[in-house]
C-alpha atoms as a PDB file:
ATOM      1  CA  GLN A   1     119.941  71.349 171.175  1.00  0.00           C
ATOM      2  CA  VAL A   2     118.595  68.061 172.465  1.00  0.00           C
ATOM      3  CA  GLN A   3     120.959  65.939 174.525  1.00  0.00           C
ATOM      4  CA  LEU A   4     120.463  62.621 176.275  1.00  0.00           C
ATOM      5  CA  VAL A   5     123.160  61.615 178.733  1.00  0.00           C
ATOM      6  CA  GLU A   6     123.231  58.215 180.365  1.00  0.00           C
ATOM      7  CA  SER A   7     124.984  57.392 183.608  1.00  0.00           C
ATOM      8  CA  GLY A   8     125.181  54.638 186.179  1.00  0.00           C
ATOM      9  CA  GLY A   9     126.638  51.767 184.236  1.00  0.00           C
ATOM     10  CA  GLY A  10     129.500  49.688 185.561  1.00  0.00           C
ATOM     11  CA  LEU A  11     130.709  46.278 186.618  1.00  0.00           C
ATOM     12  CA  VAL A  12     128.608  44.114 188.902  1.00  0.00           C
ATOM     13  CA  GLN A  13     128.591  40.469 189.930  1.00  0.00           C
ATOM     14  CA  ALA A  14     125.835  38.161 188.815  1.00  0.00           C
ATOM     15  CA  GLY A  15     122.836  38.531 191.100  1.00  0.00           C
ATOM     16  CA  GLY A  16     123.630  42.152 191.827  1.00  0.00           C
ATOM     17  CA  SER A  17     121.805  45.349 190.966  1.00  0.00           C
ATOM     18  CA  LEU A  18     122.481  48.538 189.039  1.00  0.00           C
ATOM     19  CA  ARG A  19     120.435  51.576 188.159  1.00  0.00           C
ATOM     20  CA  VAL A  20     121.140  53.483 184.975  1.00  0.00           C
ATOM     21  CA  SER A  21     119.798  56.965 184.387  1.00  0.00           C
ATOM     22  CA  CYS A  22     119.202  59.116 181.321  1.00  0.00           C
ATOM     23  CA  LEU A  23     118.940  62.879 181.629  1.00  0.00           C
ATOM     24  CA  ALA A  24     117.492  64.711 178.662  1.00  0.00           C
ATOM     25  CA  SER A  25     117.708  68.418 177.950  1.00  0.00           C
ATOM     26  CA  GLY A  26     116.846  70.861 175.217  1.00  0.00           C
ATOM     27  CA  LYS A  27     113.069  70.651 175.035  1.00  0.00           C
ATOM     28  CA  SER A  28     109.977  69.269 176.728  1.00  0.00           C
ATOM     29  CA  PHE A  29     109.643  65.500 176.615  1.00  0.00           C
ATOM     30  CA  ILE A  30     106.286  65.052 178.327  1.00  0.00           C
ATOM     31  CA  THR A  31     104.633  63.548 175.245  1.00  0.00           C
ATOM     32  CA  TYR A  32     107.553  61.304 174.338  1.00  0.00           C
ATOM     33  CA  THR A  33     107.719  57.566 174.660  1.00  0.00           C
ATOM     34  CA  LYS A  34     110.892  56.682 176.521  1.00  0.00           C
ATOM     35  CA  GLY A  35     112.799  53.456 176.310  1.00  0.00           C
ATOM     36  CA  TRP A  36     115.940  51.577 177.105  1.00  0.00           C
ATOM     37  CA  TYR A  37     117.716  49.468 174.515  1.00  0.00           C
ATOM     38  CA  ARG A  38     120.855  47.387 174.767  1.00  0.00           C
ATOM     39  CA  GLN A  39     123.436  46.029 172.388  1.00  0.00           C
ATOM     40  CA  ALA A  40     125.787  43.205 173.227  1.00  0.00           C
ATOM     41  CA  PRO A  41     128.937  42.541 171.180  1.00  0.00           C
ATOM     42  CA  GLY A  42     128.094  40.916 167.865  1.00  0.00           C
ATOM     43  CA  LYS A  43     124.353  41.276 168.428  1.00  0.00           C
ATOM     44  CA  GLN A  44     121.652  43.621 167.218  1.00  0.00           C
ATOM     45  CA  ARG A  45     120.339  46.383 169.421  1.00  0.00           C
ATOM     46  CA  GLU A  46     117.262  45.174 171.280  1.00  0.00           C
ATOM     47  CA  LEU A  47     114.455  46.901 173.118  1.00  0.00           C
ATOM     48  CA  VAL A  48     114.579  46.244 176.853  1.00  0.00           C
ATOM     49  CA  ALA A  49     111.860  48.419 178.369  1.00  0.00           C
ATOM     50  CA  THR A  50     109.432  51.167 177.395  1.00  0.00           C
ATOM     51  CA  ILE A  51     107.434  53.717 179.354  1.00  0.00           C
ATOM     52  CA  TYR A  52     104.634  55.519 177.552  1.00  0.00           C
ATOM     53  CA  PRO A  53     103.260  59.004 178.239  1.00  0.00           C
ATOM     54  CA  SER A  54     100.336  57.319 179.999  1.00  0.00           C
ATOM     55  CA  GLY A  55     102.744  55.667 182.420  1.00  0.00           C
ATOM     56  CA  ALA A  56     102.175  52.201 181.021  1.00  0.00           C
ATOM     57  CA  THR A  57     105.279  50.066 180.729  1.00  0.00           C
ATOM     58  CA  ASN A  58     106.423  47.159 178.636  1.00  0.00           C
ATOM     59  CA  TYR A  59     109.383  44.824 179.002  1.00  0.00           C
ATOM     60  CA  ALA A  60     111.284  42.285 176.967  1.00  0.00           C
ATOM     61  CA  ASP A  61     110.577  38.770 178.200  1.00  0.00           C
ATOM     62  CA  SER A  62     114.242  38.334 179.097  1.00  0.00           C
ATOM     63  CA  VAL A  63     114.119  41.110 181.709  1.00  0.00           C
ATOM     64  CA  LYS A  64     110.538  40.908 182.926  1.00  0.00           C
ATOM     65  CA  ASP A  65     110.272  40.794 186.723  1.00  0.00           C
ATOM     66  CA  ARG A  66     113.939  41.820 187.057  1.00  0.00           C
ATOM     67  CA  PHE A  67     114.098  45.276 185.476  1.00  0.00           C
ATOM     68  CA  THR A  68     111.930  48.320 186.179  1.00  0.00           C
ATOM     69  CA  ILE A  69     111.679  51.433 184.031  1.00  0.00           C
ATOM     70  CA  SER A  70     110.560  54.689 185.611  1.00  0.00           C
ATOM     71  CA  ARG A  71     110.698  58.415 185.038  1.00  0.00           C
ATOM     72  CA  ASP A  72     110.726  61.576 187.080  1.00  0.00           C
ATOM     73  CA  ASN A  73     107.806  64.001 187.324  1.00  0.00           C
ATOM     74  CA  ALA A  74     109.442  66.485 184.977  1.00  0.00           C
ATOM     75  CA  GLU A  75     109.660  63.732 182.357  1.00  0.00           C
ATOM     76  CA  ASN A  76     113.227  64.588 181.460  1.00  0.00           C
ATOM     77  CA  THR A  77     114.870  61.711 183.295  1.00  0.00           C
ATOM     78  CA  VAL A  78     114.263  58.022 182.788  1.00  0.00           C
ATOM     79  CA  TYR A  79     115.685  55.250 184.919  1.00  0.00           C
ATOM     80  CA  LEU A  80     116.233  51.542 184.534  1.00  0.00           C
ATOM     81  CA  GLN A  81     116.549  49.615 187.778  1.00  0.00           C
ATOM     82  CA  MET A  82     118.181  46.274 187.060  1.00  0.00           C
ATOM     83  CA  ASN A  83     118.014  43.529 189.681  1.00  0.00           C
ATOM     84  CA  SER A  84     119.139  39.900 189.676  1.00  0.00           C
ATOM     85  CA  LEU A  85     121.582  40.698 186.904  1.00  0.00           C
ATOM     86  CA  LYS A  86     122.909  37.892 184.746  1.00  0.00           C
ATOM     87  CA  PRO A  87     126.056  37.702 182.593  1.00  0.00           C
ATOM     88  CA  GLU A  88     123.809  37.757 179.520  1.00  0.00           C
ATOM     89  CA  ASP A  89     122.649  41.246 180.535  1.00  0.00           C
ATOM     90  CA  THR A  90     126.123  42.526 179.669  1.00  0.00           C
ATOM     91  CA  ALA A  91     125.746  45.165 176.969  1.00  0.00           C
ATOM     92  CA  VAL A  92     125.874  48.843 176.183  1.00  0.00           C
ATOM     93  CA  TYR A  93     122.585  50.338 177.340  1.00  0.00           C
ATOM     94  CA  TYR A  94     121.061  53.228 175.399  1.00  0.00           C
ATOM     95  CA  CYS A  95     118.137  55.454 176.263  1.00  0.00           C
ATOM     96  CA  ASN A  96     115.720  56.646 173.605  1.00  0.00           C
ATOM     97  CA  PHE A  97     113.133  59.404 173.644  1.00  0.00           C
ATOM     98  CA  ARG A  98     110.769  59.193 170.685  1.00  0.00           C
ATOM     99  CA  LEU A  99     107.726  61.101 169.474  1.00  0.00           C
ATOM    100  CA  GLY A 100     107.996  60.120 165.843  1.00  0.00           C
ATOM    101  CA  PRO A 101     110.579  59.623 163.115  1.00  0.00           C
ATOM    102  CA  LEU A 102     111.587  63.285 163.159  1.00  0.00           C
ATOM    103  CA  ASN A 103     111.751  63.436 166.940  1.00  0.00           C
ATOM    104  CA  ASP A 104     113.816  60.387 167.823  1.00  0.00           C
ATOM    105  CA  TYR A 105     116.732  60.943 170.188  1.00  0.00           C
ATOM    106  CA  TRP A 106     119.407  58.624 171.555  1.00  0.00           C
ATOM    107  CA  GLY A 107     121.945  58.773 174.310  1.00  0.00           C
ATOM    108  CA  GLN A 108     125.588  57.842 173.841  1.00  0.00           C
ATOM    109  CA  GLY A 109     125.275  54.587 175.777  1.00  0.00           C
ATOM    110  CA  THR A 110     126.567  53.287 179.074  1.00  0.00           C
ATOM    111  CA  GLN A 111     128.367  49.979 179.551  1.00  0.00           C
ATOM    112  CA  VAL A 112     126.923  47.402 181.904  1.00  0.00           C
ATOM    113  CA  THR A 113     129.093  44.385 182.591  1.00  0.00           C
ATOM    114  CA  VAL A 114     127.909  41.458 184.700  1.00  0.00           C
ATOM    115  CA  SER A 115     130.563  39.016 185.822  1.00  0.00           C
ATOM    116  CA  SER A 116     129.798  35.389 186.585  1.00  0.00           C
END
């Protein structure tokens, strides 16, 4: 059974840093595209960062140059390092491992709160 478990969220002051992690289990994820999404209250879930099997990355404009997505060599853990956090980064952060519509897995989410 596939499971994705996020950790590392919390409360931080504006300008601070946090790193959230997502540990996946249940199968091999080497060929999966991995991403981080977030959803703030009253807003739609949005894509924050993506890392492709090639290692290429992509970021939302709102987090570019502040957030960094990475993965471990075994490809079952993905990280999101968040620096220079702003109150508008407050959201529930979800990890996603996706190969296609039938292989699309989500974590349960971790709350990140940035105080001003």
